[in-house]
C-alpha atoms as a PDB file:
ATOM      1  CA  MET A   1      87.886 127.599 134.128  1.00  0.00           C
ATOM      2  CA  ALA A   2      89.866 124.481 134.732  1.00  0.00           C
ATOM      3  CA  ALA A   3      86.765 122.248 134.828  1.00  0.00           C
ATOM      4  CA  PRO A   4      85.602 123.102 131.219  1.00  0.00           C
ATOM      5  CA  ILE A   5      89.073 122.672 129.873  1.00  0.00           C
ATOM      6  CA  TYR A   6      89.455 119.212 131.630  1.00  0.00           C
ATOM      7  CA  PHE A   7      85.984 118.318 130.261  1.00  0.00           C
ATOM      8  CA  ASN A   8      87.021 119.258 126.674  1.00  0.00           C
ATOM      9  CA  PHE A   9      90.186 117.148 126.900  1.00  0.00           C
ATOM     10  CA  LEU A  10      88.245 114.187 128.221  1.00  0.00           C
ATOM     11  CA  VAL A  11      85.764 114.393 125.336  1.00  0.00           C
ATOM     12  CA  LEU A  12      88.572 114.671 122.795  1.00  0.00           C
ATOM     13  CA  PHE A  13      90.356 111.621 124.273  1.00  0.00           C
ATOM     14  CA  LEU A  14      87.223 109.536 124.194  1.00  0.00           C
ATOM     15  CA  THR A  15      86.332 110.673 120.684  1.00  0.00           C
ATOM     16  CA  ASN A  16      89.855 109.825 119.453  1.00  0.00           C
ATOM     17  CA  SER A  17      89.791 106.486 121.144  1.00  0.00           C
ATOM     18  CA  VAL A  18      86.546 105.477 119.534  1.00  0.00           C
ATOM     19  CA  TRP A  19      87.732 106.671 116.091  1.00  0.00           C
ATOM     20  CA  THR A  20      91.007 104.715 116.438  1.00  0.00           C
ATOM     21  CA  ARG A  21      89.194 101.668 117.541  1.00  0.00           C
ATOM     22  CA  SER A  22      86.755 101.836 114.668  1.00  0.00           C
ATOM     23  CA  VAL A  23      89.544 102.183 112.042  1.00  0.00           C
ATOM     24  CA  ARG A  24      91.365  99.275 113.537  1.00  0.00           C
ATOM     25  CA  GLN A  25      88.340  97.126 113.275  1.00  0.00           C
ATOM     26  CA  VAL A  26      88.133  97.767 109.593  1.00  0.00           C
ATOM     27  CA  TYR A  27      91.773  97.158 108.661  1.00  0.00           C
ATOM     28  CA  GLU A  28      93.166  94.817 111.386  1.00  0.00           C
ATOM     29  CA  VAL A  29      92.284  91.208 111.918  1.00  0.00           C
ATOM     30  CA  THR A  30      92.684  90.192 115.515  1.00  0.00           C
ATOM     31  CA  ASP A  31      90.093  87.481 115.961  1.00  0.00           C
ATOM     32  CA  PRO A  32      91.721  83.968 115.370  1.00  0.00           C
ATOM     33  CA  ASP A  33      88.467  82.932 113.649  1.00  0.00           C
ATOM     34  CA  ASP A  34      88.860  85.671 111.066  1.00  0.00           C
ATOM     35  CA  TRP A  35      92.400  84.472 110.355  1.00  0.00           C
ATOM     36  CA  THR A  36      91.147  81.112 109.639  1.00  0.00           C
ATOM     37  CA  VAL A  37      88.555  82.533 107.110  1.00  0.00           C
ATOM     38  CA  LEU A  38      91.135  84.582 105.441  1.00  0.00           C
ATOM     39  CA  SER A  39      93.607  81.678 105.042  1.00  0.00           C
ATOM     40  CA  SER A  40      90.885  79.347 103.807  1.00  0.00           C
ATOM     41  CA  ASP A  41      89.736  81.459 100.858  1.00  0.00           C
ATOM     42  CA  CYS A  42      93.119  82.814  99.884  1.00  0.00           C
ATOM     43  CA  PRO A  43      94.394  81.358  96.651  1.00  0.00           C
ATOM     44  CA  GLN A  44      97.516  79.252  97.438  1.00  0.00           C
ATOM     45  CA  GLU A  45      99.596  80.975  94.848  1.00  0.00           C
ATOM     46  CA  CYS A  46      98.896  84.378  96.337  1.00  0.00           C
ATOM     47  CA  PHE A  47      99.434  86.323  99.591  1.00  0.00           C
ATOM     48  CA  CYS A  48      96.612  87.602 101.729  1.00  0.00           C
ATOM     49  CA  PRO A  49      98.038  90.078 104.218  1.00  0.00           C
ATOM     50  CA  PRO A  50      96.129  89.685 107.665  1.00  0.00           C
ATOM     51  CA  ASN A  51      96.395  93.385 108.382  1.00  0.00           C
ATOM     52  CA  PHE A  52      94.950  94.355 105.019  1.00  0.00           C
ATOM     53  CA  PRO A  53      92.138  91.882 104.482  1.00  0.00           C
ATOM     54  CA  ASN A  54      90.782  93.668 101.310  1.00  0.00           C
ATOM     55  CA  ALA A  55      93.968  93.147  99.303  1.00  0.00           C
ATOM     56  CA  LEU A  56      95.263  90.075  97.323  1.00  0.00           C
ATOM     57  CA  TYR A  57      98.809  90.134  96.209  1.00  0.00           C
ATOM     58  CA  CYS A  58      99.421  87.694  93.206  1.00  0.00           C
ATOM     59  CA  ASP A  59     102.188  89.747  91.501  1.00  0.00           C
ATOM     60  CA  SER A  60     105.593  88.425  90.157  1.00  0.00           C
ATOM     61  CA  ARG A  61     104.710  84.747  90.719  1.00  0.00           C
ATOM     62  CA  GLY A  62     104.923  83.348  87.245  1.00  0.00           C
ATOM     63  CA  LEU A  63     101.118  82.984  86.984  1.00  0.00           C
ATOM     64  CA  LYS A  64      99.640  81.965  83.642  1.00  0.00           C
ATOM     65  CA  GLU A  65      95.973  82.165  84.839  1.00  0.00           C
ATOM     66  CA  ILE A  66      94.116  84.405  87.155  1.00  0.00           C
ATOM     67  CA  PRO A  67      92.953  82.502  90.254  1.00  0.00           C
ATOM     68  CA  THR A  68      89.504  82.652  91.637  1.00  0.00           C
ATOM     69  CA  ILE A  69      89.210  85.949  93.460  1.00  0.00           C
ATOM     70  CA  PRO A  70      87.416  85.848  97.000  1.00  0.00           C
ATOM     71  CA  SER A  71      84.402  88.070  97.386  1.00  0.00           C
ATOM     72  CA  ARG A  72      86.094  90.260 100.139  1.00  0.00           C
ATOM     73  CA  ILE A  73      88.831  91.600  97.824  1.00  0.00           C
ATOM     74  CA  TRP A  74      88.900  95.214  96.829  1.00  0.00           C
ATOM     75  CA  TYR A  75      92.501  95.601  95.677  1.00  0.00           C
ATOM     76  CA  LEU A  76      93.939  92.931  93.298  1.00  0.00           C
ATOM     77  CA  TYR A  77      97.641  92.864  92.334  1.00  0.00           C
ATOM     78  CA  LEU A  78      98.443  90.653  89.335  1.00  0.00           C
ATOM     79  CA  GLN A  79     101.221  92.578  87.632  1.00  0.00           C
ATOM     80  CA  ASN A  80     104.407  91.024  86.257  1.00  0.00           C
ATOM     81  CA  ASN A  81     103.117  87.602  85.458  1.00  0.00           C
ATOM     82  CA  LEU A  82     102.483  85.547  82.283  1.00  0.00           C
ATOM     83  CA  ILE A  83      98.759  85.884  82.245  1.00  0.00           C
ATOM     84  CA  GLU A  84      97.214  85.702  78.718  1.00  0.00           C
ATOM     85  CA  THR A  85      93.403  85.585  79.450  1.00  0.00           C
ATOM     86  CA  ILE A  86      90.884  87.313  81.633  1.00  0.00           C
ATOM     87  CA  PRO A  87      87.987  84.764  82.146  1.00  0.00           C
ATOM     88  CA  GLU A  88      84.638  85.754  83.619  1.00  0.00           C
ATOM     89  CA  LYS A  89      84.664  82.919  86.107  1.00  0.00           C
ATOM     90  CA  ALA A  90      87.776  84.215  87.942  1.00  0.00           C
ATOM     91  CA  PHE A  91      85.762  87.327  88.981  1.00  0.00           C
ATOM     92  CA  MET A  92      82.260  85.688  89.468  1.00  0.00           C
ATOM     93  CA  ASN A  93      82.350  86.367  93.268  1.00  0.00           C
ATOM     94  CA  ALA A  94      84.596  89.436  93.245  1.00  0.00           C
ATOM     95  CA  THR A  95      81.757  92.018  93.116  1.00  0.00           C
ATOM     96  CA  GLN A  96      83.629  94.419  95.508  1.00  0.00           C
ATOM     97  CA  LEU A  97      86.727  94.956  93.409  1.00  0.00           C
ATOM     98  CA  ARG A  98      87.861  98.569  93.195  1.00  0.00           C
ATOM     99  CA  TRP A  99      91.432  98.199  91.837  1.00  0.00           C
ATOM    100  CA  ILE A 100      92.981  95.629  89.324  1.00  0.00           C
ATOM    101  CA  ASN A 101      96.639  95.819  88.386  1.00  0.00           C
ATOM    102  CA  LEU A 102      97.381  93.578  85.392  1.00  0.00           C
ATOM    103  CA  ASN A 103     100.442  95.430  84.120  1.00  0.00           C
ATOM    104  CA  LYS A 104     103.256  93.502  82.479  1.00  0.00           C
ATOM    105  CA  ASN A 105     101.480  90.370  81.407  1.00  0.00           C
ATOM    106  CA  LYS A 106     100.655  88.844  77.936  1.00  0.00           C
ATOM    107  CA  ILE A 107      96.935  89.675  77.693  1.00  0.00           C
ATOM    108  CA  THR A 108      95.459  90.106  74.122  1.00  0.00           C
ATOM    109  CA  ASN A 109      91.933  91.264  73.240  1.00  0.00           C
ATOM    110  CA  TYR A 110      91.053  87.737  72.220  1.00  0.00           C
ATOM    111  CA  GLY A 111      91.973  86.559  75.806  1.00  0.00           C
ATOM    112  CA  ILE A 112      89.470  88.865  77.518  1.00  0.00           C
ATOM    113  CA  GLU A 113      86.127  87.070  77.815  1.00  0.00           C
ATOM    114  CA  LYS A 114      83.190  89.311  76.980  1.00  0.00           C
ATOM    115  CA  GLY A 115      81.582  90.465  80.245  1.00  0.00           C
ATOM    116  CA  ALA A 116      84.579  89.559  82.397  1.00  0.00           C
ATOM    117  CA  LEU A 117      85.324  93.217  83.207  1.00  0.00           C
ATOM    118  CA  SER A 118      81.892  94.788  82.761  1.00  0.00           C
ATOM    119  CA  GLN A 119      80.458  92.670  85.469  1.00  0.00           C
ATOM    120  CA  LEU A 120      82.645  94.509  88.074  1.00  0.00           C
ATOM    121  CA  LYS A 121      80.157  97.244  88.861  1.00  0.00           C
ATOM    122  CA  LYS A 122      82.319  98.870  91.516  1.00  0.00           C
ATOM    123  CA  LEU A 123      85.626  98.844  89.673  1.00  0.00           C
ATOM    124  CA  LEU A 124      87.434 102.299  89.703  1.00  0.00           C
ATOM    125  CA  PHE A 125      90.941 101.665  88.537  1.00  0.00           C
ATOM    126  CA  LEU A 126      92.048  99.267  85.808  1.00  0.00           C
ATOM    127  CA  PHE A 127      95.837  98.921  84.873  1.00  0.00           C
ATOM    128  CA  LEU A 128      96.688  96.975  81.696  1.00  0.00           C
ATOM    129  CA  GLU A 129      99.983  98.546  80.753  1.00  0.00           C
ATOM    130  CA  ASP A 130     102.654  96.538  78.991  1.00  0.00           C
ATOM    131  CA  ASN A 131     100.466  93.900  77.594  1.00  0.00           C
ATOM    132  CA  GLU A 132      99.676  92.871  73.941  1.00  0.00           C
ATOM    133  CA  LEU A 133      96.306  94.649  73.347  1.00  0.00           C
ATOM    134  CA  GLU A 134      95.669  95.752  69.797  1.00  0.00           C
ATOM    135  CA  GLU A 135      92.543  97.757  70.623  1.00  0.00           C
ATOM    136  CA  VAL A 136      90.828  99.395  73.599  1.00  0.00           C
ATOM    137  CA  PRO A 137      88.993  96.635  75.543  1.00  0.00           C
ATOM    138  CA  ALA A 138      85.282  96.772  75.707  1.00  0.00           C
ATOM    139  CA  PRO A 139      82.868  96.462  77.437  1.00  0.00           C
ATOM    140  CA  LEU A 140      84.103  98.054  80.625  1.00  0.00           C
ATOM    141  CA  PRO A 141      82.163  98.891  83.773  1.00  0.00           C
ATOM    142  CA  ARG A 142      80.339 102.274  83.953  1.00  0.00           C
ATOM    143  CA  SER A 143      82.005 102.873  87.389  1.00  0.00           C
ATOM    144  CA  LEU A 144      85.582 103.050  85.970  1.00  0.00           C
ATOM    145  CA  GLU A 145      87.522 106.311  86.661  1.00  0.00           C
ATOM    146  CA  GLN A 146      91.011 105.469  85.474  1.00  0.00           C
ATOM    147  CA  LEU A 147      91.990 103.372  82.472  1.00  0.00           C
ATOM    148  CA  GLN A 148      95.768 102.802  81.994  1.00  0.00           C
ATOM    149  CA  LEU A 149      96.753 101.176  78.581  1.00  0.00           C
ATOM    150  CA  ALA A 150     100.292 102.484  78.096  1.00  0.00           C
ATOM    151  CA  ARG A 151     102.819 100.518  76.170  1.00  0.00           C
ATOM    152  CA  ASN A 152     100.500  98.049  74.333  1.00  0.00           C
ATOM    153  CA  LYS A 153      99.945  97.771  70.525  1.00  0.00           C
ATOM    154  CA  VAL A 154      96.664  99.650  70.493  1.00  0.00           C
ATOM    155  CA  SER A 155      95.859 100.892  66.901  1.00  0.00           C
ATOM    156  CA  ARG A 156      92.061 100.622  67.078  1.00  0.00           C
ATOM    157  CA  ILE A 157      89.345 102.175  69.157  1.00  0.00           C
ATOM    158  CA  PRO A 158      86.058 100.414  68.295  1.00  0.00           C
ATOM    159  CA  GLN A 159      82.967 102.567  67.852  1.00  0.00           C
ATOM    160  CA  GLY A 160      81.129 103.044  71.176  1.00  0.00           C
ATOM    161  CA  THR A 161      84.035 101.937  73.297  1.00  0.00           C
ATOM    162  CA  PHE A 162      83.686 104.930  75.566  1.00  0.00           C
ATOM    163  CA  SER A 163      79.965 105.501  75.246  1.00  0.00           C
ATOM    164  CA  ASN A 164      79.085 104.419  78.726  1.00  0.00           C
ATOM    165  CA  LEU A 165      82.215 105.505  80.611  1.00  0.00           C
ATOM    166  CA  GLU A 166      80.789 108.814  81.951  1.00  0.00           C
ATOM    167  CA  ASN A 167      82.859 108.474  85.247  1.00  0.00           C
ATOM    168  CA  LEU A 168      86.197 108.192  83.489  1.00  0.00           C
ATOM    169  CA  THR A 169      88.563 110.946  84.500  1.00  0.00           C
ATOM    170  CA  LEU A 170      91.935 109.614  83.192  1.00  0.00           C
ATOM    171  CA  LEU A 171      92.657 107.753  79.965  1.00  0.00           C
ATOM    172  CA  ASP A 172      96.252 106.749  79.263  1.00  0.00           C
ATOM    173  CA  LEU A 173      97.028 105.514  75.753  1.00  0.00           C
ATOM    174  CA  GLN A 174     100.634 106.602  75.521  1.00  0.00           C
ATOM    175  CA  HIS A 175     103.275 104.477  73.675  1.00  0.00           C
ATOM    176  CA  ASN A 176     100.815 102.628  71.428  1.00  0.00           C
ATOM    177  CA  LYS A 177     100.334 102.365  67.646  1.00  0.00           C
ATOM    178  CA  LEU A 178      97.523 104.942  67.034  1.00  0.00           C
ATOM    179  CA  LEU A 179      97.174 106.635  63.709  1.00  0.00           C
ATOM    180  CA  ASP A 180      94.930 109.449  62.631  1.00  0.00           C
ATOM    181  CA  ASN A 181      92.451 106.961  61.243  1.00  0.00           C
ATOM    182  CA  ALA A 182      91.813 105.399  64.613  1.00  0.00           C
ATOM    183  CA  PHE A 183      89.625 108.347  65.579  1.00  0.00           C
ATOM    184  CA  GLN A 184      86.128 109.222  64.452  1.00  0.00           C
ATOM    185  CA  ARG A 185      84.284 112.364  65.322  1.00  0.00           C
ATOM    186  CA  ASP A 186      82.311 110.440  67.978  1.00  0.00           C
ATOM    187  CA  THR A 187      85.262 108.308  69.353  1.00  0.00           C
ATOM    188  CA  PHE A 188      85.315 110.067  72.653  1.00  0.00           C
ATOM    189  CA  LYS A 189      81.596 110.501  72.970  1.00  0.00           C
ATOM    190  CA  GLY A 190      80.427 109.481  76.480  1.00  0.00           C
ATOM    191  CA  LEU A 191      83.549 110.697  78.253  1.00  0.00           C
ATOM    192  CA  LYS A 192      81.783 113.626  80.011  1.00  0.00           C
ATOM    193  CA  ASN A 193      84.056 113.740  83.025  1.00  0.00           C
ATOM    194  CA  LEU A 194      87.463 113.063  81.383  1.00  0.00           C
ATOM    195  CA  MET A 195      90.099 115.419  82.695  1.00  0.00           C
ATOM    196  CA  GLN A 196      93.394 113.832  81.621  1.00  0.00           C
ATOM    197  CA  LEU A 197      94.138 112.355  78.206  1.00  0.00           C
ATOM    198  CA  ASN A 198      97.549 111.043  77.411  1.00  0.00           C
ATOM    199  CA  MET A 199      98.318 109.942  73.748  1.00  0.00           C
ATOM    200  CA  ALA A 200     102.018 110.636  73.753  1.00  0.00           C
ATOM    201  CA  LYS A 201     104.361 108.390  71.740  1.00  0.00           C
ATOM    202  CA  ASN A 202     101.949 107.318  69.012  1.00  0.00           C
ATOM    203  CA  SER A 203     102.048 107.990  65.281  1.00  0.00           C
ATOM    204  CA  LEU A 204      99.557 110.925  65.052  1.00  0.00           C
ATOM    205  CA  ARG A 205     100.021 113.526  62.315  1.00  0.00           C
ATOM    206  CA  SER A 206      96.981 115.584  63.202  1.00  0.00           C
ATOM    207  CA  MET A 207      95.209 116.685  66.389  1.00  0.00           C
ATOM    208  CA  PRO A 208      92.645 114.081  67.533  1.00  0.00           C
ATOM    209  CA  PRO A 209      89.053 115.335  66.754  1.00  0.00           C
ATOM    210  CA  ARG A 210      86.298 116.337  69.148  1.00  0.00           C
ATOM    211  CA  LEU A 211      88.002 115.819  72.456  1.00  0.00           C
ATOM    212  CA  PRO A 212      85.769 115.644  75.686  1.00  0.00           C
ATOM    213  CA  ALA A 213      84.845 119.126  76.815  1.00  0.00           C
ATOM    214  CA  ASN A 214      86.089 118.749  80.288  1.00  0.00           C
ATOM    215  CA  THR A 215      89.705 117.790  79.256  1.00  0.00           C
ATOM    216  CA  MET A 216      92.229 119.722  81.330  1.00  0.00           C
ATOM    217  CA  GLN A 217      95.431 117.907  80.643  1.00  0.00           C
ATOM    218  CA  LEU A 218      96.298 116.871  77.102  1.00  0.00           C
ATOM    219  CA  PHE A 219      99.511 115.038  76.342  1.00  0.00           C
ATOM    220  CA  LEU A 220     100.560 114.542  72.790  1.00  0.00           C
ATOM    221  CA  ASP A 221     104.359 114.374  72.992  1.00  0.00           C
ATOM    222  CA  ASN A 222     106.425 112.242  70.616  1.00  0.00           C
ATOM    223  CA  ASN A 223     104.031 112.141  67.740  1.00  0.00           C
ATOM    224  CA  SER A 224     104.377 113.654  64.181  1.00  0.00           C
ATOM    225  CA  ILE A 225     101.705 116.369  64.517  1.00  0.00           C
ATOM    226  CA  GLU A 226     102.253 119.135  61.917  1.00  0.00           C
ATOM    227  CA  GLY A 227      99.692 121.770  62.765  1.00  0.00           C
ATOM    228  CA  ILE A 228      96.817 122.915  64.933  1.00  0.00           C
ATOM    229  CA  PRO A 229      93.325 123.529  63.250  1.00  0.00           C
ATOM    230  CA  GLU A 230      91.749 126.883  63.593  1.00  0.00           C
ATOM    231  CA  ASN A 231      89.712 127.263  66.810  1.00  0.00           C
ATOM    232  CA  TYR A 232      90.746 123.665  67.771  1.00  0.00           C
ATOM    233  CA  PHE A 233      90.619 124.400  71.495  1.00  0.00           C
ATOM    234  CA  ASN A 234      87.171 125.906  71.460  1.00  0.00           C
ATOM    235  CA  VAL A 235      85.784 122.417  72.155  1.00  0.00           C
ATOM    236  CA  ILE A 236      87.996 121.954  75.205  1.00  0.00           C
ATOM    237  CA  PRO A 237      87.579 125.269  76.926  1.00  0.00           C
ATOM    238  CA  LYS A 238      89.051 123.952  80.148  1.00  0.00           C
ATOM    239  CA  VAL A 239      92.428 122.719  78.749  1.00  0.00           C
ATOM    240  CA  THR A 240      95.159 123.886  81.251  1.00  0.00           C
ATOM    241  CA  PHE A 241      98.194 121.738  80.617  1.00  0.00           C
ATOM    242  CA  LEU A 242      99.179 121.201  76.904  1.00  0.00           C
ATOM    243  CA  ARG A 243     102.218 119.072  75.858  1.00  0.00           C
ATOM    244  CA  LEU A 244     103.213 118.899  72.202  1.00  0.00           C
ATOM    245  CA  ASN A 245     106.967 118.336  72.682  1.00  0.00           C
ATOM    246  CA  TYR A 246     108.852 116.262  69.954  1.00  0.00           C
ATOM    247  CA  ASN A 247     106.461 116.884  67.130  1.00  0.00           C
ATOM    248  CA  LYS A 248     106.763 118.588  63.671  1.00  0.00           C
ATOM    249  CA  LEU A 249     104.982 121.815  64.414  1.00  0.00           C
ATOM    250  CA  SER A 250     106.014 124.740  62.161  1.00  0.00           C
ATOM    251  CA  ASP A 251     104.989 128.344  61.816  1.00  0.00           C
ATOM    252  CA  ALA A 252     102.837 127.518  58.725  1.00  0.00           C
ATOM    253  CA  GLY A 253     100.904 124.904  60.682  1.00  0.00           C
ATOM    254  CA  LEU A 254      99.746 127.360  63.446  1.00  0.00           C
ATOM    255  CA  PRO A 255      96.796 129.747  63.021  1.00  0.00           C
ATOM    256  CA  PRO A 256      97.504 133.331  64.191  1.00  0.00           C
ATOM    257  CA  ASN A 257      95.883 132.788  67.612  1.00  0.00           C
ATOM    258  CA  GLY A 258      96.304 128.952  67.804  1.00  0.00           C
ATOM    259  CA  PHE A 259      97.669 129.059  71.379  1.00  0.00           C
ATOM    260  CA  ASN A 260      96.131 132.297  72.487  1.00  0.00           C
ATOM    261  CA  VAL A 261      93.809 130.307  74.737  1.00  0.00           C
ATOM    262  CA  SER A 262      92.959 131.922  78.131  1.00  0.00           C
ATOM    263  CA  SER A 263      92.656 128.566  79.901  1.00  0.00           C
ATOM    264  CA  ILE A 264      96.234 127.266  79.098  1.00  0.00           C
ATOM    265  CA  LEU A 265      98.590 127.939  81.958  1.00  0.00           C
ATOM    266  CA  ASP A 266     101.433 125.401  80.912  1.00  0.00           C
ATOM    267  CA  LEU A 267     102.355 125.144  77.175  1.00  0.00           C
ATOM    268  CA  GLN A 268     105.113 122.878  76.130  1.00  0.00           C
ATOM    269  CA  LEU A 269     106.388 123.105  72.515  1.00  0.00           C
ATOM    270  CA  SER A 270     109.954 121.919  72.872  1.00  0.00           C
ATOM    271  CA  HIS A 271     111.639 120.040  69.995  1.00  0.00           C
ATOM    272  CA  ASN A 272     109.536 121.274  67.149  1.00  0.00           C
ATOM    273  CA  GLN A 273     110.371 123.317  63.990  1.00  0.00           C
ATOM    274  CA  LEU A 274     109.086 126.800  65.033  1.00  0.00           C
ATOM    275  CA  THR A 275     111.209 129.769  63.851  1.00  0.00           C
ATOM    276  CA  LYS A 276     109.245 132.389  65.833  1.00  0.00           C
ATOM    277  CA  VAL A 277     107.485 132.675  69.183  1.00  0.00           C
ATOM    278  CA  PRO A 278     103.715 131.902  68.649  1.00  0.00           C
ATOM    279  CA  ARG A 279     101.160 134.291  70.045  1.00  0.00           C
ATOM    280  CA  ILE A 280     100.280 133.178  73.567  1.00  0.00           C
ATOM    281  CA  SER A 281      97.615 134.037  76.144  1.00  0.00           C
ATOM    282  CA  PRO A 282      98.276 136.770  78.802  1.00  0.00           C
ATOM    283  CA  ARG A 283      97.325 134.158  81.441  1.00  0.00           C
ATOM    284  CA  LEU A 284     100.130 131.695  80.469  1.00  0.00           C
ATOM    285  CA  GLU A 285     102.561 130.857  83.312  1.00  0.00           C
ATOM    286  CA  HIS A 286     104.932 128.312  81.898  1.00  0.00           C
ATOM    287  CA  LEU A 287     106.226 128.236  78.308  1.00  0.00           C
ATOM    288  CA  HIS A 288     108.672 125.673  76.772  1.00  0.00           C
ATOM    289  CA  LEU A 289     110.131 126.589  73.462  1.00  0.00           C
ATOM    290  CA  ASP A 290     113.541 125.015  73.683  1.00  0.00           C
ATOM    291  CA  HIS A 291     115.081 123.134  70.705  1.00  0.00           C
ATOM    292  CA  ASN A 292     113.185 124.848  67.979  1.00  0.00           C
ATOM    293  CA  LYS A 293     114.629 127.033  65.217  1.00  0.00           C
ATOM    294  CA  ILE A 294     113.838 130.428  66.729  1.00  0.00           C
ATOM    295  CA  LYS A 295     116.319 133.100  65.580  1.00  0.00           C
ATOM    296  CA  SER A 296     115.075 136.158  67.466  1.00  0.00           C
ATOM    297  CA  VAL A 297     112.671 137.098  70.239  1.00  0.00           C
ATOM    298  CA  ASN A 298     110.574 140.198  70.182  1.00  0.00           C
ATOM    299  CA  GLY A 299     110.703 141.691  73.669  1.00  0.00           C
ATOM    300  CA  SER A 300     107.412 143.490  73.274  1.00  0.00           C
ATOM    301  CA  ILE A 301     105.730 140.130  72.623  1.00  0.00           C
ATOM    302  CA  MET A 302     107.411 138.051  75.279  1.00  0.00           C
ATOM    303  CA  CYS A 303     107.511 140.561  78.083  1.00  0.00           C
ATOM    304  CA  PRO A 304     105.916 138.865  81.157  1.00  0.00           C
ATOM    305  CA  ALA A 305     105.114 142.148  82.825  1.00  0.00           C
ATOM    306  CA  SER A 306     103.960 145.657  81.904  1.00  0.00           C
ATOM    307  CA  VAL A 307     107.466 147.203  81.818  1.00  0.00           C
ATOM    308  CA  ALA A 308     108.857 149.259  78.926  1.00  0.00           C
ATOM    309  CA  VAL A 309     112.516 149.869  78.354  1.00  0.00           C
ATOM    310  CA  SER A 310     112.268 153.259  80.057  1.00  0.00           C
ATOM    311  CA  GLY A 311     111.037 151.505  83.197  1.00  0.00           C
ATOM    312  CA  GLU A 312     107.545 152.978  83.101  1.00  0.00           C
ATOM    313  CA  HIS A 313     104.584 150.713  83.404  1.00  0.00           C
ATOM    314  CA  ASP A 314     102.636 150.153  80.289  1.00  0.00           C
ATOM    315  CA  SER A 315      98.842 149.641  80.130  1.00  0.00           C
ATOM    316  CA  PHE A 316      99.172 146.078  78.889  1.00  0.00           C
ATOM    317  CA  GLY A 317     101.696 143.321  79.197  1.00  0.00           C
ATOM    318  CA  TYR A 318     101.459 140.424  76.718  1.00  0.00           C
ATOM    319  CA  ALA A 319     102.158 137.660  79.243  1.00  0.00           C
ATOM    320  CA  PRO A 320     102.006 139.279  82.718  1.00  0.00           C
ATOM    321  CA  ARG A 321     101.702 135.901  84.435  1.00  0.00           C
ATOM    322  CA  LEU A 322     104.725 134.207  82.769  1.00  0.00           C
ATOM    323  CA  ARG A 323     106.886 132.663  85.416  1.00  0.00           C
ATOM    324  CA  TYR A 324     108.996 129.985  83.536  1.00  0.00           C
ATOM    325  CA  LEU A 325     110.427 130.281  80.049  1.00  0.00           C
ATOM    326  CA  ARG A 326     112.787 127.869  78.127  1.00  0.00           C
ATOM    327  CA  LEU A 327     114.498 129.138  74.868  1.00  0.00           C
ATOM    328  CA  ASP A 328     117.641 127.046  74.999  1.00  0.00           C
ATOM    329  CA  GLY A 329     118.609 124.937  71.963  1.00  0.00           C
ATOM    330  CA  ASN A 330     117.443 127.575  69.438  1.00  0.00           C
ATOM    331  CA  GLU A 331     119.360 129.920  67.095  1.00  0.00           C
ATOM    332  CA  ILE A 332     118.910 133.072  69.006  1.00  0.00           C
ATOM    333  CA  LYS A 333     121.968 135.373  68.671  1.00  0.00           C
ATOM    334  CA  PRO A 334     122.992 138.268  70.862  1.00  0.00           C
ATOM    335  CA  PRO A 335     122.240 141.032  71.565  1.00  0.00           C
ATOM    336  CA  ILE A 336     119.108 140.249  73.427  1.00  0.00           C
ATOM    337  CA  PRO A 337     116.572 143.104  73.317  1.00  0.00           C
ATOM    338  CA  MET A 338     116.881 145.406  76.445  1.00  0.00           C
ATOM    339  CA  ASP A 339     113.128 145.184  77.132  1.00  0.00           C
ATOM    340  CA  LEU A 340     113.427 141.481  77.085  1.00  0.00           C
ATOM    341  CA  MET A 341     116.297 141.497  79.448  1.00  0.00           C
ATOM    342  CA  ILE A 342     114.217 143.644  81.876  1.00  0.00           C
ATOM    343  CA  CYS A 343     111.406 141.126  81.599  1.00  0.00           C
ATOM    344  CA  PHE A 344     113.874 138.214  82.296  1.00  0.00           C
ATOM    345  CA  ARG A 345     114.635 139.669  85.664  1.00  0.00           C
ATOM    346  CA  LEU A 346     111.013 139.293  86.636  1.00  0.00           C
ATOM    347  CA  LEU A 347     110.717 135.619  85.721  1.00  0.00           C
ATOM    348  CA  GLN A 348     111.249 132.984  88.403  1.00  0.00           C
ATOM    349  CA  ALA A 349     113.190 130.826  86.036  1.00  0.00           C
ATOM    350  CA  ILE A 350     114.468 131.088  82.500  1.00  0.00           C
ATOM    351  CA  VAL A 351     116.843 128.899  80.367  1.00  0.00           C
ATOM    352  CA  ILE A 352     118.240 130.547  77.336  1.00  0.00           C
END
């Protein structure tokens, strides 16, 4: 019995040794000749770490231009500089780029040379936060999976901007200058795999039209949205997390079953103008209603489990999965209905 056990340990040791050696060959540079190659093509204003040969660090160096990027680079860090332009020649040999961080620069749309970004056929992540963009840049590479454009001056989305971005899963447009007229019915056409859309801190008064069907996380906090159209969520049947905090939602702006959507698990409606609890889905798990104008709560509607005042089980509970509830900052006055108090004991967390 000892022989097979010894043999298994030996195989495991040898396998791990080979795996470790192969990983080190990819990420570590031990050959002096390789060190020479790395230092020779590294831009003098940047840093090329010898133990991470696919990365180039040019961040926080007061750069006004993008240096020529070596062909071996996958990860490029250019954030926190004074860069105003993205020229095509800087990336002419950088065909392996997967990640570009250009946050906190001074890039404008006029400074992006047409084709400079679209030529990067393997690019997955593009960070352009805290710049001076006035519209979503285009064209972009079809390979792109995440586009981060927070804290710019974006007020326009040219027609066809997203038409070829079928691999994009995350689009962050928060803290820009988007108005309702920035969107057409086909604005998001092409985003077949988009899962997270963030348009918080803009100037929207209406829900954006015709969102991508696979959207799961929709963030619209800090706008001026007044209502939800009838059957709005039918076009995004997978939406799970919905944030509409700090808007102008009122009872009159909500259809009877506006939020009674089976896919929604986390619903955030804090800091609005609601005077009553909207009808919600039995599948809802988290509900944020704090800082509205709610005066009373109907226990039969809010009860998260099939429990009646008598303690007997009912056949149907309105929100049997509700685990977190916020009602603080409203105008609710005691006494709290007894059936609601029974339900509160079953919640994992409640703020009232």
